[in-house]
Amino acid sequence: MSLSPADLPQQLTLQCSQFARMAARTAQVGVSSVSWRVAATLQRRGPLRLSEIAERERVTRSTATAVIQRLEEEGLVERAPDPTDSRSWLVSLTPAGDEQLAAWRSQMAERVGPLLEQLPDADRDTLARATEILADLVEIHDA
């Protein structure tokens, strides 16, 4: 498939999203993909307000609240008062959340890894490089 420069942004976004959904279904991690994306974001970014989580995950505030409540009930996240705003709370990952995220990642590698192993070495190398590029873009533009 040869993409025009004008089609690349849309197709890249669409295919990444579809691959992420397929990978989550294949891995059967037992939680919604939003839950483990939130956990990964908290691990990478540190404590965040509920509104920041909703904005980053592109979900409604009520969806973010439900996800955080579920993760909190499981002991994977905790809330603490925001020292800069007494009306807000900061949500952070607990040590148990770190462990569970590692388990989800392991399960993802176990289930999705074989799909990637079927690819020729050159394609896996291309995907590895694309992953690095995407990670760099996220780091630069996801402040």
C-alpha atoms as a PDB file:
ATOM      1  CA  MET A   1       0.000   0.000   0.000  1.00  0.00           C
ATOM      2  CA  SER A   2       1.491   3.258  -1.110  1.00  0.00           C
ATOM      3  CA  LEU A   3       0.136   6.263   0.752  1.00  0.00           C
ATOM      4  CA  SER A   4       0.134   9.831  -0.370  1.00  0.00           C
ATOM      5  CA  PRO A   5       1.504  12.363   2.124  1.00  0.00           C
ATOM      6  CA  ALA A   6      -2.051  13.645   2.552  1.00  0.00           C
ATOM      7  CA  ASP A   7      -3.365  10.158   3.463  1.00  0.00           C
ATOM      8  CA  LEU A   8      -0.556   9.188   5.842  1.00  0.00           C
ATOM      9  CA  PRO A   9      -1.829  10.954   9.001  1.00  0.00           C
ATOM     10  CA  GLN A  10      -5.314   9.480   8.748  1.00  0.00           C
ATOM     11  CA  GLN A  11      -4.188   5.986   7.784  1.00  0.00           C
ATOM     12  CA  LEU A  12      -1.446   5.854  10.421  1.00  0.00           C
ATOM     13  CA  THR A  13      -3.890   6.915  13.131  1.00  0.00           C
ATOM     14  CA  LEU A  14      -6.545   4.475  11.959  1.00  0.00           C
ATOM     15  CA  GLN A  15      -4.187   1.502  11.663  1.00  0.00           C
ATOM     16  CA  CYS A  16      -2.530   2.172  15.031  1.00  0.00           C
ATOM     17  CA  SER A  17      -5.951   2.330  16.662  1.00  0.00           C
ATOM     18  CA  GLN A  18      -7.171  -0.847  14.968  1.00  0.00           C
ATOM     19  CA  PHE A  19      -3.952  -2.688  15.853  1.00  0.00           C
ATOM     20  CA  ALA A  20      -4.234  -1.593  19.500  1.00  0.00           C
ATOM     21  CA  ARG A  21      -7.814  -2.877  19.708  1.00  0.00           C
ATOM     22  CA  MET A  22      -6.909  -6.168  18.022  1.00  0.00           C
ATOM     23  CA  ALA A  23      -3.925  -6.597  20.342  1.00  0.00           C
ATOM     24  CA  ALA A  24      -6.057  -5.949  23.438  1.00  0.00           C
ATOM     25  CA  ARG A  25      -8.644  -8.516  22.262  1.00  0.00           C
ATOM     26  CA  THR A  26      -5.929 -11.039  21.470  1.00  0.00           C
ATOM     27  CA  ALA A  27      -4.142 -10.560  24.797  1.00  0.00           C
ATOM     28  CA  GLN A  28      -7.375 -10.875  26.796  1.00  0.00           C
ATOM     29  CA  VAL A  29      -5.938  -8.831  29.669  1.00  0.00           C
ATOM     30  CA  GLY A  30      -9.271  -8.914  31.480  1.00  0.00           C
ATOM     31  CA  VAL A  31      -9.771  -5.151  31.716  1.00  0.00           C
ATOM     32  CA  SER A  32     -10.816  -2.502  29.271  1.00  0.00           C
ATOM     33  CA  SER A  33      -8.095  -1.031  27.130  1.00  0.00           C
ATOM     34  CA  VAL A  34      -8.919   2.338  28.726  1.00  0.00           C
ATOM     35  CA  SER A  35      -8.012   0.901  32.144  1.00  0.00           C
ATOM     36  CA  TRP A  36      -4.605  -0.268  31.165  1.00  0.00           C
ATOM     37  CA  ARG A  37      -3.940   2.838  29.048  1.00  0.00           C
ATOM     38  CA  VAL A  38      -4.750   4.974  32.106  1.00  0.00           C
ATOM     39  CA  ALA A  39      -2.408   2.871  34.243  1.00  0.00           C
ATOM     40  CA  ALA A  40       0.365   3.198  31.649  1.00  0.00           C
ATOM     41  CA  THR A  41      -0.169   6.957  31.405  1.00  0.00           C
ATOM     42  CA  LEU A  42       0.012   7.341  35.190  1.00  0.00           C
ATOM     43  CA  GLN A  43       3.200   5.289  35.262  1.00  0.00           C
ATOM     44  CA  ARG A  44       4.774   7.402  32.518  1.00  0.00           C
ATOM     45  CA  ARG A  45       3.477  10.856  33.498  1.00  0.00           C
ATOM     46  CA  GLY A  46       3.055  10.569  37.274  1.00  0.00           C
ATOM     47  CA  PRO A  47       0.034  11.777  39.263  1.00  0.00           C
ATOM     48  CA  LEU A  48      -2.713  13.443  37.229  1.00  0.00           C
ATOM     49  CA  ARG A  49      -6.043  15.088  37.941  1.00  0.00           C
ATOM     50  CA  LEU A  50      -9.160  13.251  36.824  1.00  0.00           C
ATOM     51  CA  SER A  51      -9.847  15.934  34.207  1.00  0.00           C
ATOM     52  CA  GLU A  52      -6.324  15.448  32.790  1.00  0.00           C
ATOM     53  CA  ILE A  53      -6.865  11.698  32.581  1.00  0.00           C
ATOM     54  CA  ALA A  54     -10.171  12.186  30.747  1.00  0.00           C
ATOM     55  CA  GLU A  55      -8.568  14.643  28.342  1.00  0.00           C
ATOM     56  CA  ARG A  56      -5.523  12.454  27.641  1.00  0.00           C
ATOM     57  CA  GLU A  57      -7.626   9.343  27.060  1.00  0.00           C
ATOM     58  CA  ARG A  58     -10.273  11.206  25.047  1.00  0.00           C
ATOM     59  CA  VAL A  59     -13.085   9.932  27.258  1.00  0.00           C
ATOM     60  CA  THR A  60     -15.801  11.735  29.164  1.00  0.00           C
ATOM     61  CA  ARG A  61     -15.172  12.759  32.737  1.00  0.00           C
ATOM     62  CA  SER A  62     -17.784  10.212  33.882  1.00  0.00           C
ATOM     63  CA  THR A  63     -15.979   7.423  31.994  1.00  0.00           C
ATOM     64  CA  ALA A  64     -12.670   8.473  33.554  1.00  0.00           C
ATOM     65  CA  THR A  65     -14.335   8.548  36.982  1.00  0.00           C
ATOM     66  CA  ALA A  66     -15.692   5.016  36.494  1.00  0.00           C
ATOM     67  CA  VAL A  67     -12.294   3.714  35.348  1.00  0.00           C
ATOM     68  CA  ILE A  68     -10.484   5.349  38.268  1.00  0.00           C
ATOM     69  CA  GLN A  69     -13.052   4.030  40.769  1.00  0.00           C
ATOM     70  CA  ARG A  70     -12.633   0.503  39.408  1.00  0.00           C
ATOM     71  CA  LEU A  71      -8.835   0.737  39.504  1.00  0.00           C
ATOM     72  CA  GLU A  72      -8.998   2.236  42.994  1.00  0.00           C
ATOM     73  CA  GLU A  73     -11.245  -0.596  44.241  1.00  0.00           C
ATOM     74  CA  GLU A  74      -8.668  -3.058  42.911  1.00  0.00           C
ATOM     75  CA  GLY A  75      -5.898  -1.195  44.722  1.00  0.00           C
ATOM     76  CA  LEU A  76      -4.140  -0.235  41.492  1.00  0.00           C
ATOM     77  CA  VAL A  77      -4.459   3.544  41.847  1.00  0.00           C
ATOM     78  CA  GLU A  78      -4.870   5.929  44.742  1.00  0.00           C
ATOM     79  CA  ARG A  79      -6.101   9.473  45.136  1.00  0.00           C
ATOM     80  CA  ALA A  80      -4.408  12.197  47.159  1.00  0.00           C
ATOM     81  CA  PRO A  81      -5.350  15.837  47.634  1.00  0.00           C
ATOM     82  CA  ASP A  82      -3.830  18.134  45.025  1.00  0.00           C
ATOM     83  CA  PRO A  83      -1.478  20.450  46.940  1.00  0.00           C
ATOM     84  CA  THR A  84      -2.063  23.225  44.386  1.00  0.00           C
ATOM     85  CA  ASP A  85      -5.883  23.015  44.406  1.00  0.00           C
ATOM     86  CA  SER A  86      -7.750  21.860  47.498  1.00  0.00           C
ATOM     87  CA  ARG A  87     -10.839  21.049  45.392  1.00  0.00           C
ATOM     88  CA  SER A  88      -8.989  18.514  43.242  1.00  0.00           C
ATOM     89  CA  TRP A  89      -7.417  15.133  43.690  1.00  0.00           C
ATOM     90  CA  LEU A  90      -4.338  13.651  42.067  1.00  0.00           C
ATOM     91  CA  VAL A  91      -4.532  10.042  40.921  1.00  0.00           C
ATOM     92  CA  SER A  92      -1.371   7.956  40.970  1.00  0.00           C
ATOM     93  CA  LEU A  93      -0.421   4.341  40.370  1.00  0.00           C
ATOM     94  CA  THR A  94       0.193   2.186  43.445  1.00  0.00           C
ATOM     95  CA  PRO A  95       2.964  -0.429  43.678  1.00  0.00           C
ATOM     96  CA  ALA A  96       0.251  -3.039  43.027  1.00  0.00           C
ATOM     97  CA  GLY A  97      -0.716  -1.016  39.934  1.00  0.00           C
ATOM     98  CA  ASP A  98       2.883  -1.125  38.727  1.00  0.00           C
ATOM     99  CA  GLU A  99       2.906  -4.905  39.178  1.00  0.00           C
ATOM    100  CA  GLN A 100      -0.426  -5.355  37.399  1.00  0.00           C
ATOM    101  CA  LEU A 101       0.701  -3.170  34.510  1.00  0.00           C
ATOM    102  CA  ALA A 102       3.806  -5.338  34.169  1.00  0.00           C
ATOM    103  CA  ALA A 103       1.585  -8.440  34.143  1.00  0.00           C
ATOM    104  CA  TRP A 104      -0.676  -6.921  31.455  1.00  0.00           C
ATOM    105  CA  ARG A 105       2.378  -6.063  29.365  1.00  0.00           C
ATOM    106  CA  SER A 106       3.722  -9.581  29.777  1.00  0.00           C
ATOM    107  CA  GLN A 107       0.399 -11.044  28.690  1.00  0.00           C
ATOM    108  CA  MET A 108       0.357  -8.707  25.700  1.00  0.00           C
ATOM    109  CA  ALA A 109       3.860  -9.850  24.717  1.00  0.00           C
ATOM    110  CA  GLU A 110       2.880 -13.494  25.166  1.00  0.00           C
ATOM    111  CA  ARG A 111      -0.238 -13.267  23.022  1.00  0.00           C
ATOM    112  CA  VAL A 112       0.667 -10.614  20.456  1.00  0.00           C
ATOM    113  CA  GLY A 113       4.351 -11.526  20.126  1.00  0.00           C
ATOM    114  CA  PRO A 114       3.629 -14.639  18.050  1.00  0.00           C
ATOM    115  CA  LEU A 115       1.674 -12.547  15.549  1.00  0.00           C
ATOM    116  CA  LEU A 116       4.724 -10.356  15.044  1.00  0.00           C
ATOM    117  CA  GLU A 117       7.083 -13.348  14.908  1.00  0.00           C
ATOM    118  CA  GLN A 118       5.284 -14.473  11.753  1.00  0.00           C
ATOM    119  CA  LEU A 119       6.574 -11.393   9.949  1.00  0.00           C
ATOM    120  CA  PRO A 120       9.838 -11.331   8.024  1.00  0.00           C
ATOM    121  CA  ASP A 121      12.790  -9.886   9.961  1.00  0.00           C
ATOM    122  CA  ALA A 122      12.824  -6.760   7.775  1.00  0.00           C
ATOM    123  CA  ASP A 123       9.170  -6.036   8.605  1.00  0.00           C
ATOM    124  CA  ARG A 124       9.765  -6.527  12.341  1.00  0.00           C
ATOM    125  CA  ASP A 125      12.758  -4.195  12.101  1.00  0.00           C
ATOM    126  CA  THR A 126      10.590  -1.624  10.314  1.00  0.00           C
ATOM    127  CA  LEU A 127       7.918  -1.887  13.013  1.00  0.00           C
ATOM    128  CA  ALA A 128      10.553  -1.557  15.745  1.00  0.00           C
ATOM    129  CA  ARG A 129      11.860   1.616  14.112  1.00  0.00           C
ATOM    130  CA  ALA A 130       8.311   2.949  13.622  1.00  0.00           C
ATOM    131  CA  THR A 131       7.650   2.313  17.312  1.00  0.00           C
ATOM    132  CA  GLU A 132      10.719   4.374  18.244  1.00  0.00           C
ATOM    133  CA  ILE A 133       9.602   7.200  15.961  1.00  0.00           C
ATOM    134  CA  LEU A 134       6.067   7.183  17.396  1.00  0.00           C
ATOM    135  CA  ALA A 135       7.424   7.147  20.964  1.00  0.00           C
ATOM    136  CA  ASP A 136       9.605  10.161  20.156  1.00  0.00           C
ATOM    137  CA  LEU A 137       6.633  12.023  18.656  1.00  0.00           C
ATOM    138  CA  VAL A 138       4.535  11.301  21.730  1.00  0.00           C
ATOM    139  CA  GLU A 139       7.302  12.450  24.044  1.00  0.00           C
ATOM    140  CA  ILE A 140       7.755  15.703  22.148  1.00  0.00           C
ATOM    141  CA  HIS A 141       4.095  16.580  21.575  1.00  0.00           C
ATOM    142  CA  ASP A 142       2.210  15.030  24.491  1.00  0.00           C
ATOM    143  CA  ALA A 143       3.149  17.554  27.149  1.00  0.00           C
END
